[in-house]
Amino acid sequence: MSSESARVSSCDTPTCSSDAETITPEGYVCESCAAKIAVEYEQARERDLEAGSGEA
């Protein structure tokens, strides 16, 4: 085991320069970008559920 501390990486969002903290389907991103991604995924899930319920 290494005694070296973990290296901080920058957010994978092209327009963001914050430190990455969270792994998401979009990459290793900062907390702010992770929250935005979560909202986008939730909105897509809701759209999918609404579209599926109209076919029954």
N, C-alpha and C. Protein backbone atom coordinates (compact mmCIF):
# COMPACT_ATOMS: atom_id res chain seq x y z
N MET A 1 0.85 -1.18 0.00
CA MET A 1 0.00 0.00 0.00
C MET A 1 0.89 1.24 0.00
N SER A 2 0.53 2.21 -0.80
CA SER A 2 1.32 3.43 -0.93
C SER A 2 0.92 4.45 0.13
N SER A 3 1.88 5.19 0.61
CA SER A 3 1.58 6.26 1.55
C SER A 3 1.37 7.59 0.82
N GLU A 4 1.42 7.53 -0.50
CA GLU A 4 1.21 8.71 -1.32
C GLU A 4 -0.27 9.09 -1.32
N SER A 5 -0.57 10.37 -1.18
CA SER A 5 -1.98 10.79 -1.20
C SER A 5 -2.53 10.73 -2.62
N ALA A 6 -3.83 10.59 -2.72
CA ALA A 6 -4.48 10.51 -4.03
C ALA A 6 -4.31 11.82 -4.78
N ARG A 7 -4.10 11.69 -6.06
CA ARG A 7 -3.93 12.88 -6.89
C ARG A 7 -5.29 13.43 -7.27
N VAL A 8 -5.48 14.73 -7.11
CA VAL A 8 -6.73 15.37 -7.45
C VAL A 8 -6.77 15.61 -8.95
N SER A 9 -7.89 15.28 -9.54
CA SER A 9 -8.07 15.45 -10.98
C SER A 9 -9.07 16.57 -11.22
N SER A 10 -9.04 17.13 -12.41
CA SER A 10 -10.01 18.17 -12.73
C SER A 10 -11.27 17.54 -13.29
N CYS A 11 -12.35 18.26 -13.20
CA CYS A 11 -13.66 17.84 -13.68
C CYS A 11 -13.60 17.53 -15.18
N ASP A 12 -14.26 16.43 -15.59
CA ASP A 12 -14.28 16.04 -17.00
C ASP A 12 -15.23 16.88 -17.86
N THR A 13 -16.05 17.72 -17.23
CA THR A 13 -16.94 18.60 -17.99
C THR A 13 -16.08 19.66 -18.69
N PRO A 14 -16.18 19.77 -20.02
CA PRO A 14 -15.29 20.67 -20.77
C PRO A 14 -15.28 22.12 -20.30
N THR A 15 -16.40 22.64 -19.84
CA THR A 15 -16.48 24.06 -19.46
C THR A 15 -16.24 24.29 -17.97
N CYS A 16 -15.82 23.26 -17.24
CA CYS A 16 -15.64 23.38 -15.79
C CYS A 16 -14.17 23.17 -15.42
N SER A 17 -13.69 23.92 -14.46
CA SER A 17 -12.30 23.77 -14.03
C SER A 17 -12.19 23.37 -12.56
N SER A 18 -13.30 22.93 -11.97
CA SER A 18 -13.29 22.51 -10.56
C SER A 18 -12.62 21.14 -10.41
N ASP A 19 -12.32 20.78 -9.17
CA ASP A 19 -11.74 19.47 -8.88
C ASP A 19 -12.80 18.39 -8.96
N ALA A 20 -12.47 17.28 -9.59
CA ALA A 20 -13.40 16.15 -9.71
C ALA A 20 -13.53 15.44 -8.37
N GLU A 21 -14.75 15.03 -8.04
CA GLU A 21 -15.03 14.36 -6.78
C GLU A 21 -15.90 13.13 -6.93
N THR A 22 -16.65 13.04 -8.04
CA THR A 22 -17.68 12.02 -8.18
C THR A 22 -17.57 11.31 -9.53
N ILE A 23 -17.71 10.00 -9.51
CA ILE A 23 -17.73 9.23 -10.75
C ILE A 23 -19.18 9.11 -11.21
N THR A 24 -19.44 9.48 -12.44
CA THR A 24 -20.77 9.42 -13.03
C THR A 24 -20.68 8.73 -14.39
N PRO A 25 -21.83 8.44 -15.02
CA PRO A 25 -21.78 7.90 -16.39
C PRO A 25 -21.12 8.86 -17.38
N GLU A 26 -21.05 10.12 -17.02
CA GLU A 26 -20.45 11.14 -17.89
C GLU A 26 -18.96 11.32 -17.63
N GLY A 27 -18.43 10.66 -16.62
CA GLY A 27 -17.01 10.78 -16.29
C GLY A 27 -16.80 11.15 -14.84
N TYR A 28 -15.59 11.59 -14.54
CA TYR A 28 -15.19 11.99 -13.19
C TYR A 28 -15.41 13.49 -13.09
N VAL A 29 -16.40 13.92 -12.32
CA VAL A 29 -16.83 15.31 -12.32
C VAL A 29 -16.90 15.91 -10.91
N CYS A 30 -17.02 17.22 -10.86
CA CYS A 30 -17.15 17.92 -9.58
C CYS A 30 -18.58 17.73 -9.04
N GLU A 31 -18.78 18.12 -7.81
CA GLU A 31 -20.08 17.95 -7.16
C GLU A 31 -21.18 18.73 -7.89
N SER A 32 -20.88 19.93 -8.33
CA SER A 32 -21.87 20.77 -9.03
C SER A 32 -22.30 20.13 -10.35
N CYS A 33 -21.34 19.67 -11.12
CA CYS A 33 -21.66 19.02 -12.40
C CYS A 33 -22.40 17.71 -12.17
N ALA A 34 -22.04 16.97 -11.11
CA ALA A 34 -22.71 15.71 -10.79
C ALA A 34 -24.19 15.98 -10.48
N ALA A 35 -24.48 17.06 -9.79
CA ALA A 35 -25.86 17.41 -9.47
C ALA A 35 -26.64 17.73 -10.75
N LYS A 36 -26.02 18.45 -11.67
CA LYS A 36 -26.68 18.78 -12.94
C LYS A 36 -26.95 17.52 -13.75
N ILE A 37 -25.98 16.60 -13.76
CA ILE A 37 -26.13 15.34 -14.49
C ILE A 37 -27.27 14.53 -13.88
N ALA A 38 -27.35 14.50 -12.55
CA ALA A 38 -28.42 13.76 -11.87
C ALA A 38 -29.79 14.30 -12.26
N VAL A 39 -29.93 15.61 -12.33
CA VAL A 39 -31.20 16.22 -12.74
C VAL A 39 -31.54 15.82 -14.17
N GLU A 40 -30.56 15.86 -15.07
CA GLU A 40 -30.80 15.48 -16.46
C GLU A 40 -31.23 14.03 -16.58
N TYR A 41 -30.60 13.14 -15.83
CA TYR A 41 -30.96 11.73 -15.86
C TYR A 41 -32.37 11.51 -15.30
N GLU A 42 -32.72 12.21 -14.24
CA GLU A 42 -34.05 12.09 -13.65
C GLU A 42 -35.11 12.60 -14.63
N GLN A 43 -34.85 13.71 -15.30
CA GLN A 43 -35.80 14.23 -16.29
C GLN A 43 -35.98 13.24 -17.44
N ALA A 44 -34.90 12.63 -17.89
CA ALA A 44 -34.98 11.64 -18.97
C ALA A 44 -35.78 10.42 -18.51
N ARG A 45 -35.56 9.98 -17.28
CA ARG A 45 -36.30 8.84 -16.74
C ARG A 45 -37.80 9.13 -16.69
N GLU A 46 -38.15 10.35 -16.24
CA GLU A 46 -39.56 10.75 -16.17
C GLU A 46 -40.18 10.79 -17.56
N ARG A 47 -39.45 11.31 -18.55
CA ARG A 47 -39.95 11.34 -19.94
C ARG A 47 -40.18 9.93 -20.46
N ASP A 48 -39.25 9.03 -20.16
CA ASP A 48 -39.38 7.64 -20.59
C ASP A 48 -40.60 6.98 -19.96
N LEU A 49 -40.82 7.23 -18.67
CA LEU A 49 -41.97 6.66 -17.99
C LEU A 49 -43.28 7.20 -18.58
N GLU A 50 -43.32 8.50 -18.86
CA GLU A 50 -44.52 9.11 -19.44
C GLU A 50 -44.78 8.56 -20.83
N ALA A 51 -43.75 8.40 -21.62
CA ALA A 51 -43.90 7.87 -22.98
C ALA A 51 -44.38 6.42 -22.93
N GLY A 52 -43.89 5.64 -21.99
CA GLY A 52 -44.28 4.25 -21.85
C GLY A 52 -45.71 4.10 -21.37
N SER A 53 -46.19 5.01 -20.53
CA SER A 53 -47.55 4.89 -20.00
C SER A 53 -48.60 5.27 -21.03
N GLY A 54 -48.22 6.02 -22.06
CA GLY A 54 -49.17 6.41 -23.10
C GLY A 54 -49.48 5.30 -24.09
N GLU A 55 -48.67 4.23 -24.09
CA GLU A 55 -48.84 3.15 -25.05
C GLU A 55 -49.74 2.04 -24.52
N ALA A 56 -50.06 2.03 -23.26
CA ALA A 56 -50.82 0.93 -22.68
C ALA A 56 -52.29 0.95 -23.03
